C-alpha cells in the first residue's frame, strides 16, 4: 500500500479457478473475500468465499 492505495507494481497475483466471470467482490472478516457470478444461459449463479491468506501461502 502506498498512501492507502494499492501498489500494483509490487502486488502478488493469483489466478482463481476458471468458471466464468467473477462479478461482485467484497472483503469481509480478516483476509477473506466473498465473490459472486451472474447467471448466464450456460452457467448458474454462484457465490463463493476465498481465504486470501491460504491462497498466498499456496505454491500455485
N, C-alpha and C. Protein backbone atom coordinates (compact mmCIF):
# COMPACT_ATOMS: atom_id res chain seq x y z
N UNK A 1 0.85 -1.18 0.00
CA UNK A 1 0.00 0.00 0.00
C UNK A 1 0.89 1.24 0.00
N UNK A 2 0.44 2.22 -0.73
CA UNK A 2 1.16 3.48 -0.82
C UNK A 2 0.13 4.58 -0.66
N UNK A 3 0.20 5.32 0.46
CA UNK A 3 -0.79 6.36 0.75
C UNK A 3 -2.20 5.79 0.74
N UNK A 4 -2.37 4.63 1.36
CA UNK A 4 -3.67 3.93 1.44
C UNK A 4 -4.21 3.49 0.09
N UNK A 5 -3.35 3.39 -0.91
CA UNK A 5 -3.75 2.91 -2.24
C UNK A 5 -2.90 1.70 -2.59
N UNK A 6 -3.46 0.74 -3.32
CA UNK A 6 -2.66 -0.45 -3.69
C UNK A 6 -1.47 -0.07 -4.57
N UNK A 7 -0.37 -0.75 -4.37
CA UNK A 7 0.80 -0.58 -5.23
C UNK A 7 0.81 -1.78 -6.18
N UNK A 8 0.29 -1.61 -7.38
CA UNK A 8 0.11 -2.71 -8.32
C UNK A 8 1.43 -3.26 -8.82
N UNK A 9 2.51 -2.51 -8.73
CA UNK A 9 3.81 -3.00 -9.20
C UNK A 9 4.39 -4.05 -8.27
N UNK A 10 4.03 -4.01 -6.99
CA UNK A 10 4.57 -4.98 -6.03
C UNK A 10 3.51 -6.00 -5.61
N UNK A 11 2.36 -6.00 -6.27
CA UNK A 11 1.27 -6.90 -5.92
C UNK A 11 1.60 -8.36 -6.24
N UNK A 12 0.94 -9.26 -5.53
CA UNK A 12 1.05 -10.69 -5.77
C UNK A 12 -0.21 -11.11 -6.51
N UNK A 13 -0.05 -11.72 -7.68
CA UNK A 13 -1.18 -12.11 -8.50
C UNK A 13 -1.42 -13.60 -8.39
N UNK A 14 -2.67 -13.99 -8.18
CA UNK A 14 -3.09 -15.38 -8.11
C UNK A 14 -4.28 -15.55 -9.03
N UNK A 15 -4.32 -16.67 -9.74
CA UNK A 15 -5.44 -16.95 -10.64
C UNK A 15 -6.49 -17.77 -9.91
N UNK A 16 -7.74 -17.32 -10.00
CA UNK A 16 -8.85 -18.08 -9.44
C UNK A 16 -9.27 -19.12 -10.46
N UNK A 17 -9.99 -20.11 -10.01
CA UNK A 17 -10.44 -21.16 -10.91
C UNK A 17 -11.22 -20.61 -12.09
N UNK A 18 -11.10 -21.28 -13.22
CA UNK A 18 -11.84 -20.86 -14.40
C UNK A 18 -13.28 -21.33 -14.27
N UNK A 19 -14.15 -20.41 -14.07
CA UNK A 19 -15.56 -20.75 -14.02
C UNK A 19 -16.31 -19.93 -15.06
N UNK A 20 -16.25 -18.68 -14.92
CA UNK A 20 -16.96 -17.73 -15.76
C UNK A 20 -16.32 -16.39 -15.46
N UNK A 21 -17.12 -15.39 -15.34
CA UNK A 21 -16.59 -14.07 -14.99
C UNK A 21 -17.04 -13.75 -13.57
N UNK A 22 -16.09 -13.58 -12.67
CA UNK A 22 -16.44 -13.20 -11.31
C UNK A 22 -16.91 -11.76 -11.34
N UNK A 23 -18.05 -11.49 -10.74
CA UNK A 23 -18.69 -10.18 -10.83
C UNK A 23 -18.48 -9.35 -9.56
N UNK A 24 -19.12 -9.76 -8.49
CA UNK A 24 -19.06 -8.99 -7.25
C UNK A 24 -17.95 -9.50 -6.36
N UNK A 25 -17.20 -8.58 -5.78
CA UNK A 25 -16.12 -8.94 -4.86
C UNK A 25 -16.26 -8.07 -3.61
N UNK A 26 -16.27 -8.71 -2.44
CA UNK A 26 -16.46 -7.99 -1.19
C UNK A 26 -15.49 -8.53 -0.14
N UNK A 27 -14.68 -7.65 0.48
CA UNK A 27 -13.81 -8.05 1.59
C UNK A 27 -14.66 -8.17 2.84
N UNK A 28 -14.49 -9.25 3.59
CA UNK A 28 -15.18 -9.38 4.87
C UNK A 28 -14.28 -10.16 5.82
N UNK A 29 -14.43 -9.89 7.08
CA UNK A 29 -13.59 -10.59 8.06
C UNK A 29 -12.12 -10.28 7.85
N UNK A 30 -11.28 -11.14 8.39
CA UNK A 30 -9.83 -10.95 8.30
C UNK A 30 -9.29 -11.69 7.09
N UNK A 31 -9.05 -10.98 6.00
CA UNK A 31 -8.42 -11.58 4.83
C UNK A 31 -9.29 -12.53 4.04
N UNK A 32 -10.59 -12.29 4.03
CA UNK A 32 -11.49 -13.16 3.28
C UNK A 32 -12.26 -12.37 2.24
N UNK A 33 -12.53 -13.02 1.12
CA UNK A 33 -13.31 -12.41 0.05
C UNK A 33 -14.60 -13.19 -0.15
N UNK A 34 -15.65 -12.48 -0.48
CA UNK A 34 -16.91 -13.06 -0.91
C UNK A 34 -17.02 -12.68 -2.39
N UNK A 35 -17.16 -13.67 -3.27
CA UNK A 35 -17.21 -13.38 -4.71
C UNK A 35 -18.45 -14.04 -5.32
N UNK A 36 -18.99 -13.42 -6.36
CA UNK A 36 -20.21 -13.93 -7.00
C UNK A 36 -20.06 -13.93 -8.51
N UNK A 37 -20.87 -14.77 -9.14
CA UNK A 37 -21.01 -14.75 -10.60
C UNK A 37 -22.49 -14.61 -10.92
N UNK A 38 -22.77 -14.05 -12.08
CA UNK A 38 -24.16 -13.92 -12.52
C UNK A 38 -24.61 -15.18 -13.24
N UNK A 39 -25.90 -15.40 -13.27
CA UNK A 39 -26.46 -16.50 -14.04
C UNK A 39 -26.40 -16.14 -15.53
N UNK A 40 -26.00 -17.11 -16.34
CA UNK A 40 -25.98 -16.94 -17.79
C UNK A 40 -26.70 -18.14 -18.40
N UNK A 41 -26.96 -18.11 -19.70
CA UNK A 41 -27.57 -19.29 -20.33
C UNK A 41 -26.71 -20.55 -20.19
N UNK A 42 -25.42 -20.40 -20.01
CA UNK A 42 -24.52 -21.55 -19.91
C UNK A 42 -24.14 -21.93 -18.48
N UNK A 43 -24.27 -21.01 -17.53
CA UNK A 43 -23.82 -21.26 -16.16
C UNK A 43 -24.83 -20.75 -15.16
N UNK A 44 -24.83 -21.37 -13.98
CA UNK A 44 -25.70 -20.89 -12.91
C UNK A 44 -24.98 -19.82 -12.10
N UNK A 45 -25.74 -19.04 -11.35
CA UNK A 45 -25.15 -18.04 -10.47
C UNK A 45 -24.48 -18.74 -9.30
N UNK A 46 -23.35 -18.21 -8.87
CA UNK A 46 -22.62 -18.79 -7.74
C UNK A 46 -22.20 -17.71 -6.76
N UNK A 47 -22.01 -18.13 -5.53
CA UNK A 47 -21.40 -17.29 -4.52
C UNK A 47 -20.33 -18.14 -3.85
N UNK A 48 -19.18 -17.57 -3.60
CA UNK A 48 -18.07 -18.32 -3.02
C UNK A 48 -17.30 -17.46 -2.04
N UNK A 49 -16.61 -18.11 -1.12
CA UNK A 49 -15.71 -17.41 -0.21
C UNK A 49 -14.28 -17.84 -0.53
N UNK A 50 -13.37 -16.96 -0.26
CA UNK A 50 -11.96 -17.21 -0.54
C UNK A 50 -11.13 -16.70 0.61
N UNK A 51 -10.30 -17.57 1.18
CA UNK A 51 -9.38 -17.19 2.24
C UNK A 51 -8.09 -16.73 1.56
N UNK A 52 -7.86 -15.45 1.55
CA UNK A 52 -6.72 -14.87 0.83
C UNK A 52 -5.40 -15.36 1.40
N UNK A 53 -5.29 -15.49 2.70
CA UNK A 53 -4.02 -15.94 3.27
C UNK A 53 -3.66 -17.34 2.83
N UNK A 54 -4.65 -18.24 2.79
CA UNK A 54 -4.38 -19.60 2.31
C UNK A 54 -3.95 -19.58 0.86
N UNK A 55 -4.55 -18.72 0.06
CA UNK A 55 -4.18 -18.59 -1.34
C UNK A 55 -2.74 -18.10 -1.47
N UNK A 56 -2.35 -17.13 -0.67
CA UNK A 56 -0.99 -16.59 -0.71
C UNK A 56 0.03 -17.62 -0.22
N UNK A 57 -0.36 -18.46 0.73
CA UNK A 57 0.54 -19.48 1.27
C UNK A 57 0.72 -20.65 0.32
N UNK A 58 -0.20 -20.83 -0.64
CA UNK A 58 -0.09 -21.96 -1.56
C UNK A 58 0.99 -21.69 -2.59
N UNK A 59 1.48 -22.75 -3.20
CA UNK A 59 2.55 -22.61 -4.18
C UNK A 59 2.02 -22.47 -5.60
N UNK A 60 0.71 -22.42 -5.79
CA UNK A 60 0.13 -22.31 -7.14
C UNK A 60 0.28 -20.91 -7.68
